[in-house]
Structures are given as C-alpha cells and as structure tokens.
Amino acid sequence: GDDTEVVTTKPTDSADAKEWFEIDLEDNYNLKKVLLHTGKDSSLFPKSFSIDIWNGKEWKTVVSKKNYKTPEEMATEAFSFKETKGSKVRINITAMNQNASGKYAAGLSEIEVY
C-alpha cells in the first residue's frame, strides 16, 4: 500500500465548500481498499465525501458517504470496494464538520491505499 501525510483544508465559513485530497500513485494498480486516519481533532474528518479512482480516462466513484458519523480521535476508518484499476485516488469532500472555532475544515492525518 501507499500512504501519504495529508494537510488540512483552509478553514471556511461554508460547510458545503468543495475540497479534495489526491494521491498520485504514478502507475496503475488494482485497488480495493482505502484507510482514512483521523488525527487528534476528529471533527476534521469529512462529513460527506466520495472516494474516486482515476482509471486513465475518468474518475470512477468507488465509495460515497453522506452525513458520515464522526469517528473517534486517532481512529482508522476502512473503506473496501470492488477491485478497480487506477493510478490516482481522490478523497472528494462535499460537506465538512464545524470545528471548535466555528469554522468548517477537513483533514486527515493519513491516507492508505491498497
């Protein structure tokens, strides 16, 4: 698998701001699972999102979640799907949770792709 440190999105006043995290695997792989890790601030875990794979021609959505329950701190959320060949993985965020300062943002401490 490949894993990548991820930065947090810029805080915004809108819960529905569109953001994404993208990993370029630099070659085609048969992918079937993505692990998303929360950090110490689990409110940064995306509220609604999809996991999309680039197959060389288009983005294919393999996981879609709306109003996902906020995980615990330092948790790992696993998302399995039908094996799909691709070279890039995108966590496409369509809604974010509000943090303690009243702003909306998304962030993950780590993304693993298998």
C-alpha atoms as a PDB file:
ATOM      1  CA  GLY A   1       0.000   0.000   0.000  1.00  0.00           C
ATOM      2  CA  ASP A   2       0.886   3.643  -0.309  1.00  0.00           C
ATOM      3  CA  ASP A   3       0.367   6.126   2.495  1.00  0.00           C
ATOM      4  CA  THR A   4       0.613   9.894   2.488  1.00  0.00           C
ATOM      5  CA  GLU A   5       0.590  12.643   5.093  1.00  0.00           C
ATOM      6  CA  VAL A   6      -2.307  14.982   4.382  1.00  0.00           C
ATOM      7  CA  VAL A   7      -2.684  18.636   5.227  1.00  0.00           C
ATOM      8  CA  THR A   8      -5.889  20.225   6.426  1.00  0.00           C
ATOM      9  CA  THR A   9      -8.058  22.254   4.091  1.00  0.00           C
ATOM     10  CA  LYS A  10      -8.224  26.015   4.584  1.00  0.00           C
ATOM     11  CA  PRO A  11     -10.934  26.875   7.156  1.00  0.00           C
ATOM     12  CA  THR A  12     -14.089  28.336   5.627  1.00  0.00           C
ATOM     13  CA  ASP A  13     -17.480  29.665   6.704  1.00  0.00           C
ATOM     14  CA  SER A  14     -19.298  27.167   4.475  1.00  0.00           C
ATOM     15  CA  ALA A  15     -19.982  23.540   5.415  1.00  0.00           C
ATOM     16  CA  ASP A  16     -20.531  22.758   1.730  1.00  0.00           C
ATOM     17  CA  ALA A  17     -17.232  24.060   0.343  1.00  0.00           C
ATOM     18  CA  LYS A  18     -15.812  21.559  -2.148  1.00  0.00           C
ATOM     19  CA  GLU A  19     -12.308  20.280  -1.375  1.00  0.00           C
ATOM     20  CA  TRP A  20     -10.272  17.174  -2.172  1.00  0.00           C
ATOM     21  CA  PHE A  21      -7.127  15.301  -1.278  1.00  0.00           C
ATOM     22  CA  GLU A  22      -5.435  13.488  -4.152  1.00  0.00           C
ATOM     23  CA  ILE A  23      -2.740  10.819  -4.245  1.00  0.00           C
ATOM     24  CA  ASP A  24      -0.853  10.118  -7.479  1.00  0.00           C
ATOM     25  CA  LEU A  25       0.383   6.517  -7.399  1.00  0.00           C
ATOM     26  CA  GLU A  26       2.486   7.147 -10.545  1.00  0.00           C
ATOM     27  CA  ASP A  27       1.463   3.788 -12.051  1.00  0.00           C
ATOM     28  CA  ASN A  28      -1.687   1.664 -12.438  1.00  0.00           C
ATOM     29  CA  TYR A  29      -2.593  -0.656  -9.569  1.00  0.00           C
ATOM     30  CA  ASN A  30      -5.538  -2.881  -8.726  1.00  0.00           C
ATOM     31  CA  LEU A  31      -7.059  -1.038  -5.775  1.00  0.00           C
ATOM     32  CA  LYS A  32      -9.661  -2.384  -3.364  1.00  0.00           C
ATOM     33  CA  LYS A  33      -9.347  -0.569  -0.039  1.00  0.00           C
ATOM     34  CA  VAL A  34      -8.682   2.909   1.342  1.00  0.00           C
ATOM     35  CA  LEU A  35      -7.937   3.632   5.008  1.00  0.00           C
ATOM     36  CA  LEU A  36      -8.572   7.163   6.277  1.00  0.00           C
ATOM     37  CA  HIS A  37      -6.935   8.118   9.576  1.00  0.00           C
ATOM     38  CA  THR A  38      -8.179  10.864  11.874  1.00  0.00           C
ATOM     39  CA  GLY A  39      -5.783  12.970  13.865  1.00  0.00           C
ATOM     40  CA  LYS A  40      -6.248  14.421  17.341  1.00  0.00           C
ATOM     41  CA  ASP A  41      -9.104  16.632  16.041  1.00  0.00           C
ATOM     42  CA  SER A  42     -11.563  14.094  14.656  1.00  0.00           C
ATOM     43  CA  SER A  43     -14.044  16.898  13.808  1.00  0.00           C
ATOM     44  CA  LEU A  44     -11.849  17.389  10.722  1.00  0.00           C
ATOM     45  CA  PHE A  45     -12.992  14.026   9.306  1.00  0.00           C
ATOM     46  CA  PRO A  46     -15.149  14.766   6.229  1.00  0.00           C
ATOM     47  CA  LYS A  47     -18.912  14.768   6.836  1.00  0.00           C
ATOM     48  CA  SER A  48     -19.818  13.791   3.259  1.00  0.00           C
ATOM     49  CA  PHE A  49     -17.333  12.533   0.698  1.00  0.00           C
ATOM     50  CA  SER A  50     -16.583  10.117  -2.091  1.00  0.00           C
ATOM     51  CA  ILE A  51     -13.503   8.061  -2.854  1.00  0.00           C
ATOM     52  CA  ASP A  52     -12.757   8.293  -6.564  1.00  0.00           C
ATOM     53  CA  ILE A  53     -10.181   6.439  -8.671  1.00  0.00           C
ATOM     54  CA  TRP A  54      -8.665   7.752 -11.905  1.00  0.00           C
ATOM     55  CA  ASN A  55      -8.678   4.934 -14.482  1.00  0.00           C
ATOM     56  CA  GLY A  56      -6.724   6.871 -17.117  1.00  0.00           C
ATOM     57  CA  LYS A  57      -9.837   8.301 -18.787  1.00  0.00           C
ATOM     58  CA  GLU A  58     -12.203   9.393 -16.000  1.00  0.00           C
ATOM     59  CA  TRP A  59     -12.788   9.467 -12.243  1.00  0.00           C
ATOM     60  CA  LYS A  60     -14.740   6.431 -11.024  1.00  0.00           C
ATOM     61  CA  THR A  61     -16.538   6.749  -7.683  1.00  0.00           C
ATOM     62  CA  VAL A  62     -15.983   3.571  -5.633  1.00  0.00           C
ATOM     63  CA  VAL A  63     -17.276   4.819  -2.242  1.00  0.00           C
ATOM     64  CA  SER A  64     -19.845   7.521  -1.487  1.00  0.00           C
ATOM     65  CA  LYS A  65     -20.793   8.613   2.058  1.00  0.00           C
ATOM     66  CA  LYS A  66     -23.255  11.281   3.194  1.00  0.00           C
ATOM     67  CA  ASN A  67     -23.504  12.545   6.808  1.00  0.00           C
ATOM     68  CA  TYR A  68     -20.812  10.101   7.907  1.00  0.00           C
ATOM     69  CA  LYS A  69     -20.602   9.655  11.679  1.00  0.00           C
ATOM     70  CA  THR A  70     -17.582  11.499  13.101  1.00  0.00           C
ATOM     71  CA  PRO A  71     -15.024   8.892  14.224  1.00  0.00           C
ATOM     72  CA  GLU A  72     -13.064   8.939  17.478  1.00  0.00           C
ATOM     73  CA  GLU A  73      -9.695  10.693  17.798  1.00  0.00           C
ATOM     74  CA  MET A  74      -6.797   8.822  16.182  1.00  0.00           C
ATOM     75  CA  ALA A  75      -9.189   6.347  14.522  1.00  0.00           C
ATOM     76  CA  THR A  76      -8.824   4.421  11.281  1.00  0.00           C
ATOM     77  CA  GLU A  77     -11.858   4.175   9.012  1.00  0.00           C
ATOM     78  CA  ALA A  78     -11.618   1.421   6.362  1.00  0.00           C
ATOM     79  CA  PHE A  79     -13.496   1.548   3.055  1.00  0.00           C
ATOM     80  CA  SER A  80     -13.432  -1.558   0.859  1.00  0.00           C
ATOM     81  CA  PHE A  81     -14.787  -1.688  -2.683  1.00  0.00           C
ATOM     82  CA  LYS A  82     -14.775  -3.832  -5.825  1.00  0.00           C
ATOM     83  CA  GLU A  83     -11.229  -4.052  -7.172  1.00  0.00           C
ATOM     84  CA  THR A  84     -10.640  -1.146  -9.546  1.00  0.00           C
ATOM     85  CA  LYS A  85      -7.545  -0.422 -11.650  1.00  0.00           C
ATOM     86  CA  GLY A  86      -6.254   3.134 -11.323  1.00  0.00           C
ATOM     87  CA  SER A  87      -3.285   5.471 -10.926  1.00  0.00           C
ATOM     88  CA  LYS A  88      -4.758   8.212  -8.709  1.00  0.00           C
ATOM     89  CA  VAL A  89      -7.046   8.277  -5.680  1.00  0.00           C
ATOM     90  CA  ARG A  90      -9.079  11.309  -4.690  1.00  0.00           C
ATOM     91  CA  ILE A  91     -10.988  11.901  -1.456  1.00  0.00           C
ATOM     92  CA  ASN A  92     -13.634  14.280  -2.815  1.00  0.00           C
ATOM     93  CA  ILE A  93     -15.169  16.212   0.110  1.00  0.00           C
ATOM     94  CA  THR A  94     -18.698  17.571  -0.370  1.00  0.00           C
ATOM     95  CA  ALA A  95     -19.509  18.580   3.230  1.00  0.00           C
ATOM     96  CA  MET A  96     -17.343  19.358   6.282  1.00  0.00           C
ATOM     97  CA  ASN A  97     -17.926  19.431  10.042  1.00  0.00           C
ATOM     98  CA  GLN A  98     -17.734  22.592  12.131  1.00  0.00           C
ATOM     99  CA  ASN A  99     -14.684  22.826  14.383  1.00  0.00           C
ATOM    100  CA  ALA A 100     -14.351  24.437  17.827  1.00  0.00           C
ATOM    101  CA  SER A 101     -13.660  27.872  16.325  1.00  0.00           C
ATOM    102  CA  GLY A 102     -16.926  27.787  14.364  1.00  0.00           C
ATOM    103  CA  LYS A 103     -15.205  27.307  11.007  1.00  0.00           C
ATOM    104  CA  TYR A 104     -15.521  24.357   8.629  1.00  0.00           C
ATOM    105  CA  ALA A 105     -12.495  22.378   7.537  1.00  0.00           C
ATOM    106  CA  ALA A 106     -11.454  18.840   6.650  1.00  0.00           C
ATOM    107  CA  GLY A 107      -8.271  16.992   7.424  1.00  0.00           C
ATOM    108  CA  LEU A 108      -6.833  13.529   7.706  1.00  0.00           C
ATOM    109  CA  SER A 109      -3.621  12.504   9.400  1.00  0.00           C
ATOM    110  CA  GLU A 110      -3.001   9.746   6.866  1.00  0.00           C
ATOM    111  CA  ILE A 111      -4.477   8.041   3.794  1.00  0.00           C
ATOM    112  CA  GLU A 112      -3.512   4.456   2.934  1.00  0.00           C
ATOM    113  CA  VAL A 113      -4.358   2.856  -0.401  1.00  0.00           C
ATOM    114  CA  TYR A 114      -4.362  -0.913  -1.050  1.00  0.00           C
END
